[in-house]
Amino acid sequence: MTDPAFGADRCDRSGVDEREGERLQKVLARVGVGSRRTCEDLIAAGRVTVDGRVAVLGRRVDPDTALIEVDGAPIGVRPGLVHYLLNKPTGVVTTADDPKGRPTVVGLVPDDPRVFPVGRLDVDTEGLLLLTNDGELTQRLTHPSYGVEKEYVVEVRGAPTRAVLRRLREGIELNDGPTAPARAALLDASVVRLTIHEGRNRQVRRMCEAVGHPVVRLVRTRIGPIADRSLAPGAWRALSVEEVRALEVAVSTDQADHRDT
């Protein structure tokens, strides 16, 4: 007979023996959650889960397979994860390959390891775009329930009035349904800063056209907590550990629950 202390009770959902692998606090500290002592305190407080179960001090994990969350935020611990921030220029398509032979965003960043864009920007839209091989983070960043904010600076034809800005803030009726409330502020006579948390196809362009001010130029300036005014068009950089952590917090289950209330 198998002793329960050394049998199935010591295995996680994937069948990995919890006595094998790396100590959980070491894995968390390595990816920047905090010092080893801080990570131990988080585990002791019951704020860390592994594959949906509350972890305990001394827990060991396999970073290649474990789903680790802190306060409901998934933590990318798998070795080899990369997160790039690109300032996409116009004329570049947001795909890995283009049958028309146009330049792609993937061609502007290192090709090893292979990464994919998080969401998309139209070929004639500029600005910030994330690329990563972190599938869990990508799924949360693009899922509507997490409502990650995207901020744009929009040059339009004509001069929007206060009434136009109010319409943008309250929501616009489009052919695929009304948009959610947005934030809109006038930066110049024909320049609007627009912040949305949906991801519909060409949404900003359609919103502006619906209020009588077609887009002349569209630049995305922020994705959730990530912004960088110094990044030149066509340039990229790796996100810092702190920036990745901020993204993970922005798409935590706690944040999603808060937005739903």
Protein backbone atom coordinates (compact mmCIF):
# COMPACT_ATOMS: atom_id res chain seq x y z
CA MET A 1 0.00 0.00 0.00
CA THR A 2 1.19 3.48 -0.81
CA ASP A 3 1.77 5.76 2.15
CA PRO A 4 -0.44 8.85 1.58
CA ALA A 5 2.41 11.04 2.75
CA PHE A 6 4.48 9.93 -0.22
CA GLY A 7 1.86 9.10 -2.81
CA ALA A 8 -0.73 11.01 -4.80
CA ASP A 9 -1.06 13.68 -2.11
CA ARG A 10 2.48 14.83 -2.89
CA CYS A 11 1.80 15.31 -6.60
CA ASP A 12 0.32 18.34 -8.34
CA ARG A 13 -2.44 18.17 -10.94
CA SER A 14 0.05 17.34 -13.70
CA GLY A 15 1.39 14.39 -11.71
CA VAL A 16 4.69 16.09 -10.83
CA ASP A 17 6.02 15.13 -7.39
CA GLU A 18 5.92 18.25 -5.22
CA ARG A 19 9.22 17.21 -3.62
CA GLU A 20 10.98 17.67 -6.98
CA GLY A 21 11.77 20.84 -8.91
CA GLU A 22 12.78 24.25 -7.53
CA ARG A 23 11.62 25.84 -4.32
CA LEU A 24 8.72 28.14 -5.06
CA GLN A 25 10.17 31.18 -3.28
CA LYS A 26 13.38 30.85 -5.31
CA VAL A 27 11.43 30.77 -8.59
CA LEU A 28 9.37 33.83 -7.60
CA ALA A 29 12.45 35.79 -6.51
CA ARG A 30 14.26 34.99 -9.76
CA VAL A 31 11.52 36.56 -11.89
CA GLY A 32 11.37 39.71 -9.78
CA VAL A 33 8.35 39.24 -7.53
CA GLY A 34 10.51 40.29 -4.59
CA SER A 35 13.38 39.17 -2.39
CA ARG A 36 13.49 35.55 -1.25
CA ARG A 37 12.18 36.63 2.16
CA THR A 38 9.37 38.68 0.61
CA CYS A 39 8.35 35.70 -1.50
CA GLU A 40 8.35 33.46 1.57
CA ASP A 41 6.05 35.94 3.31
CA LEU A 42 3.68 35.95 0.30
CA ILE A 43 3.52 32.15 0.37
CA ALA A 44 2.98 32.06 4.14
CA ALA A 45 0.14 34.58 3.79
CA GLY A 46 -1.66 32.31 1.33
CA ARG A 47 -1.33 34.77 -1.55
CA VAL A 48 0.42 32.34 -3.93
CA THR A 49 -1.28 29.51 -5.79
CA VAL A 50 0.18 26.74 -7.92
CA ASP A 51 -2.16 25.20 -10.48
CA GLY A 52 -5.12 26.70 -8.65
CA ARG A 53 -4.19 25.50 -5.17
CA VAL A 54 -2.85 27.65 -2.33
CA ALA A 55 0.87 26.96 -1.93
CA VAL A 56 2.70 26.32 1.33
CA LEU A 57 6.28 27.06 2.32
CA GLY A 58 8.62 24.36 1.12
CA ARG A 59 6.60 23.70 -2.03
CA ARG A 60 8.70 22.81 -5.06
CA VAL A 61 7.55 23.43 -8.62
CA ASP A 62 8.52 22.75 -12.19
CA PRO A 63 8.73 26.22 -13.85
CA ASP A 64 8.15 24.62 -17.26
CA THR A 65 4.67 23.36 -16.38
CA ALA A 66 3.36 25.05 -13.22
CA LEU A 67 0.78 27.84 -13.37
CA ILE A 68 1.86 30.15 -10.56
CA GLU A 69 -0.26 33.12 -9.48
CA VAL A 70 0.28 35.84 -6.88
CA ASP A 71 -2.88 37.63 -5.76
CA GLY A 72 -4.62 36.16 -8.78
CA ALA A 73 -2.00 37.44 -11.25
CA PRO A 74 -0.25 34.79 -13.38
CA ILE A 75 3.53 34.97 -13.02
CA GLY A 76 5.62 34.08 -16.06
CA VAL A 77 8.24 31.74 -14.62
CA ARG A 78 8.90 29.44 -17.56
CA PRO A 79 12.55 29.73 -18.66
CA GLY A 80 13.04 31.52 -21.97
CA LEU A 81 10.07 33.89 -21.76
CA VAL A 82 10.69 37.24 -23.46
CA HIS A 83 8.56 40.38 -23.58
CA TYR A 84 9.31 43.09 -26.15
CA LEU A 85 7.90 46.59 -26.55
CA LEU A 86 7.95 47.86 -30.15
CA ASN A 87 7.12 51.29 -31.51
CA LYS A 88 5.42 50.18 -34.71
CA PRO A 89 5.82 52.53 -37.68
CA THR A 90 3.21 52.93 -40.41
CA GLY A 91 3.43 50.52 -43.32
CA VAL A 92 4.29 47.55 -41.11
CA VAL A 93 1.70 44.79 -40.64
CA THR A 94 0.94 43.16 -37.29
CA THR A 95 1.47 39.55 -38.33
CA ALA A 96 4.25 36.99 -38.28
CA ASP A 97 4.14 36.55 -42.07
CA ASP A 98 2.54 38.57 -44.85
CA PRO A 99 1.56 37.00 -48.20
CA LYS A 100 1.93 40.40 -49.88
CA GLY A 101 5.55 40.65 -48.80
CA ARG A 102 5.08 43.72 -46.64
CA PRO A 103 7.34 44.23 -43.60
CA THR A 104 6.00 42.68 -40.41
CA VAL A 105 6.35 43.57 -36.74
CA VAL A 106 7.98 40.20 -36.07
CA GLY A 107 10.72 41.16 -38.52
CA LEU A 108 11.63 44.18 -36.38
CA VAL A 109 12.51 42.18 -33.24
CA PRO A 110 14.91 39.27 -32.59
CA ASP A 111 13.83 36.04 -34.28
CA ASP A 112 14.96 33.71 -31.51
CA PRO A 113 12.93 32.82 -29.56
CA ARG A 114 9.94 33.24 -31.82
CA VAL A 115 7.43 35.77 -30.55
CA PHE A 116 3.97 36.87 -31.57
CA PRO A 117 2.18 40.22 -31.33
CA VAL A 118 -0.27 40.81 -28.49
CA GLY A 119 -3.33 42.10 -30.31
CA ARG A 120 -2.85 44.16 -33.43
CA LEU A 121 -2.44 47.61 -34.90
CA ASP A 122 -3.64 48.48 -38.39
CA VAL A 123 -0.97 48.84 -41.07
CA ASP A 124 -1.49 52.62 -41.09
CA THR A 125 -1.51 52.95 -37.28
CA GLU A 126 1.63 53.74 -35.32
CA GLY A 127 2.69 53.23 -31.75
CA LEU A 128 3.29 50.75 -28.98
CA LEU A 129 2.85 47.03 -29.47
CA LEU A 130 3.82 44.12 -27.24
CA LEU A 131 5.38 40.95 -28.64
CA THR A 132 6.05 37.88 -26.53
CA ASN A 133 6.17 34.09 -26.33
CA ASP A 134 4.27 34.22 -23.01
CA GLY A 135 0.99 32.59 -24.01
CA GLU A 136 -0.75 32.92 -20.63
CA LEU A 137 -0.07 36.65 -20.40
CA THR A 138 -1.08 37.17 -24.03
CA GLN A 139 -4.40 35.42 -23.47
CA ARG A 140 -5.24 37.65 -20.51
CA LEU A 141 -4.09 40.87 -22.16
CA THR A 142 -6.35 40.25 -25.15
CA HIS A 143 -9.38 38.82 -23.34
CA PRO A 144 -12.24 41.35 -23.06
CA SER A 145 -13.00 40.47 -19.43
CA TYR A 146 -9.73 42.00 -18.24
CA GLY A 147 -10.41 45.34 -19.93
CA VAL A 148 -6.79 46.44 -20.33
CA GLU A 149 -6.66 50.13 -21.25
CA LYS A 150 -5.18 51.31 -24.53
CA GLU A 151 -4.42 55.00 -24.96
CA TYR A 152 -4.21 56.73 -28.34
CA VAL A 153 -3.31 60.17 -29.59
CA VAL A 154 -5.55 60.87 -32.57
CA GLU A 155 -5.20 63.64 -35.14
CA VAL A 156 -8.56 64.15 -36.84
CA ARG A 157 -10.09 66.31 -39.53
CA GLY A 158 -11.87 69.33 -38.19
CA ALA A 159 -12.06 70.58 -34.61
CA PRO A 160 -14.02 68.37 -32.20
CA THR A 161 -16.37 70.25 -29.88
CA ARG A 162 -17.21 69.51 -26.26
CA ALA A 163 -20.34 67.77 -27.46
CA VAL A 164 -18.26 65.46 -29.66
CA LEU A 165 -15.94 64.61 -26.77
CA ARG A 166 -18.98 63.86 -24.61
CA ARG A 167 -20.29 61.44 -27.24
CA LEU A 168 -16.94 59.65 -27.34
CA ARG A 169 -16.92 59.38 -23.55
CA GLU A 170 -20.47 58.05 -23.34
CA GLY A 171 -20.13 55.49 -26.12
CA ILE A 172 -20.72 55.44 -29.86
CA GLU A 173 -23.23 53.28 -31.71
CA LEU A 174 -21.29 51.28 -34.31
CA ASN A 175 -22.49 48.61 -36.72
CA ASP A 176 -21.31 45.90 -34.31
CA GLY A 177 -22.95 47.49 -31.28
CA PRO A 178 -22.30 50.42 -28.92
CA THR A 179 -18.82 51.04 -27.61
CA ALA A 180 -18.11 51.07 -23.90
CA PRO A 181 -17.56 54.43 -22.20
CA ALA A 182 -14.14 55.89 -22.99
CA ARG A 183 -11.98 58.76 -21.82
CA ALA A 184 -11.49 61.62 -24.28
CA ALA A 185 -9.55 64.85 -23.89
CA LEU A 186 -8.66 67.57 -26.39
CA LEU A 187 -4.88 68.09 -26.65
CA ASP A 188 -5.02 70.57 -29.52
CA ALA A 189 -7.66 71.89 -31.89
CA SER A 190 -7.61 68.69 -33.95
CA VAL A 191 -5.83 66.28 -31.61
CA VAL A 192 -7.65 64.02 -29.15
CA ARG A 193 -6.30 61.67 -26.49
CA LEU A 194 -8.66 58.69 -26.44
CA THR A 195 -8.48 55.84 -23.93
CA ILE A 196 -10.49 52.65 -24.52
CA HIS A 197 -10.49 49.17 -23.01
CA GLU A 198 -12.03 47.22 -25.87
CA GLY A 199 -10.23 45.76 -28.85
CA ARG A 200 -12.61 45.83 -31.79
CA ASN A 201 -11.37 46.01 -35.35
CA ARG A 202 -10.40 49.59 -36.26
CA GLN A 203 -12.43 50.80 -33.29
CA VAL A 204 -10.83 54.21 -32.78
CA ARG A 205 -11.07 55.05 -36.47
CA ARG A 206 -14.71 54.03 -36.61
CA MET A 207 -15.56 55.99 -33.44
CA CYS A 208 -14.00 59.16 -34.80
CA GLU A 209 -15.63 58.77 -38.19
CA ALA A 210 -19.01 58.22 -36.50
CA VAL A 211 -18.76 61.64 -34.81
CA GLY A 212 -17.78 63.37 -38.06
CA HIS A 213 -14.02 63.61 -37.54
CA PRO A 214 -12.14 61.03 -39.65
CA VAL A 215 -8.67 60.06 -38.47
CA VAL A 216 -5.66 61.68 -40.11
CA ARG A 217 -3.03 60.06 -37.88
CA LEU A 218 -3.36 57.47 -35.11
CA VAL A 219 -0.67 56.62 -32.53
CA ARG A 220 -1.02 54.23 -29.61
CA THR A 221 0.86 55.67 -26.64
CA ARG A 222 0.06 53.30 -23.77
CA ILE A 223 -0.90 49.66 -23.14
CA GLY A 224 -2.16 49.23 -19.59
CA PRO A 225 0.70 50.43 -17.37
CA ILE A 226 3.27 50.41 -20.21
CA ALA A 227 4.31 53.65 -21.95
CA ASP A 228 7.56 54.92 -23.45
CA ARG A 229 7.80 58.31 -25.14
CA SER A 230 11.51 57.87 -25.87
CA LEU A 231 11.18 54.76 -28.05
CA ALA A 232 11.77 55.75 -31.68
CA PRO A 233 9.56 54.45 -34.53
CA GLY A 234 10.80 51.00 -35.55
CA ALA A 235 12.78 50.55 -32.34
CA TRP A 236 12.14 47.92 -29.67
CA ARG A 237 13.32 47.05 -26.20
CA ALA A 238 12.80 44.29 -23.67
CA LEU A 239 10.39 45.03 -20.85
CA SER A 240 11.93 45.30 -17.41
CA VAL A 241 11.05 42.81 -14.69
CA GLU A 242 9.00 45.54 -13.03
CA GLU A 243 7.06 46.24 -16.24
CA VAL A 244 6.24 42.57 -16.76
CA ARG A 245 5.07 42.35 -13.17
CA ALA A 246 2.88 45.46 -13.67
CA LEU A 247 1.25 43.80 -16.70
CA GLU A 248 0.66 40.62 -14.70
CA VAL A 249 -1.02 42.63 -11.96
CA ALA A 250 -3.15 44.50 -14.53
CA VAL A 251 -4.61 41.20 -15.76
CA SER A 252 -4.95 39.49 -12.40
CA THR A 253 -8.25 37.83 -11.53
CA ASP A 254 -8.59 40.31 -8.65
CA GLN A 255 -8.49 43.22 -11.12
CA ALA A 256 -10.98 41.53 -13.44
CA ASP A 257 -13.38 40.95 -10.54
CA HIS A 258 -13.02 44.60 -9.50
CA ARG A 259 -13.89 45.81 -13.01
CA ASP A 260 -16.97 43.61 -13.10
CA THR A 261 -18.41 45.14 -9.92
